[in-house]
Amino acid sequence: MPFAPKPDAPMPSIPTGLDPRLLRGVCIYQDLVLGGTVAIAGRRDCRKRWALLAPHLPASGAVLDVGSNLGWFGLRMCQHSPEVVVASVEADRRSAALQRAALAAARHQRIALLTSPAGVRLARVFALRGQRFAAALCLSVLHWMPRHRPFLQLLGSISDRLLIEHP
């Protein structure tokens, strides 16, 4: 679904310094946070979702955020837990470009943005390299993955916990 504000929200202005072409065709599910300020409100309420997730997240270790959109949850995890590092996976290049802008504005050093498609192939790469995750988030993304069952099975073998949200 291309960029569209919440139904009752006015069309946002483009934040200063952000190339407006980045917004074309992008799904703004999460708030776009630039420099600690919500530059564009997302379609989903990230704060309520965070309140449900936070008690289940680790205080330290590596966390995988699959289909991370604009990186809101990775940024929040790093604020919440100073000993967490995040592998943020977003295959959509335009969403990843917006996330890159958000990460740069936050001057983040503990989030690695990966633009490979999530799936069995990526999970195998992690497994073959001995990568383990304290938690893996799959928040409203499995419907985009035609073979999500084998992906989840493999991801479960390299993650201490899976946090899954169904759309």
Foldseek 3Di string as FASTA:
>chain_A
DADDAAPPDDDADQDPPDDPVLRGGAQQQQFQDFLNRRRGHHNDDVVVVCVVCVVVDDLAWEEEEAQCQQVPVVVVSCVVRVRYAYEYEHQPVSSLVSNVNRCVRVVDDRYHYDNDHQDPVVLVVCVVVLAATQEYEAEQPVVVPPPVVNSVVSNVVRYVYYHYHHD
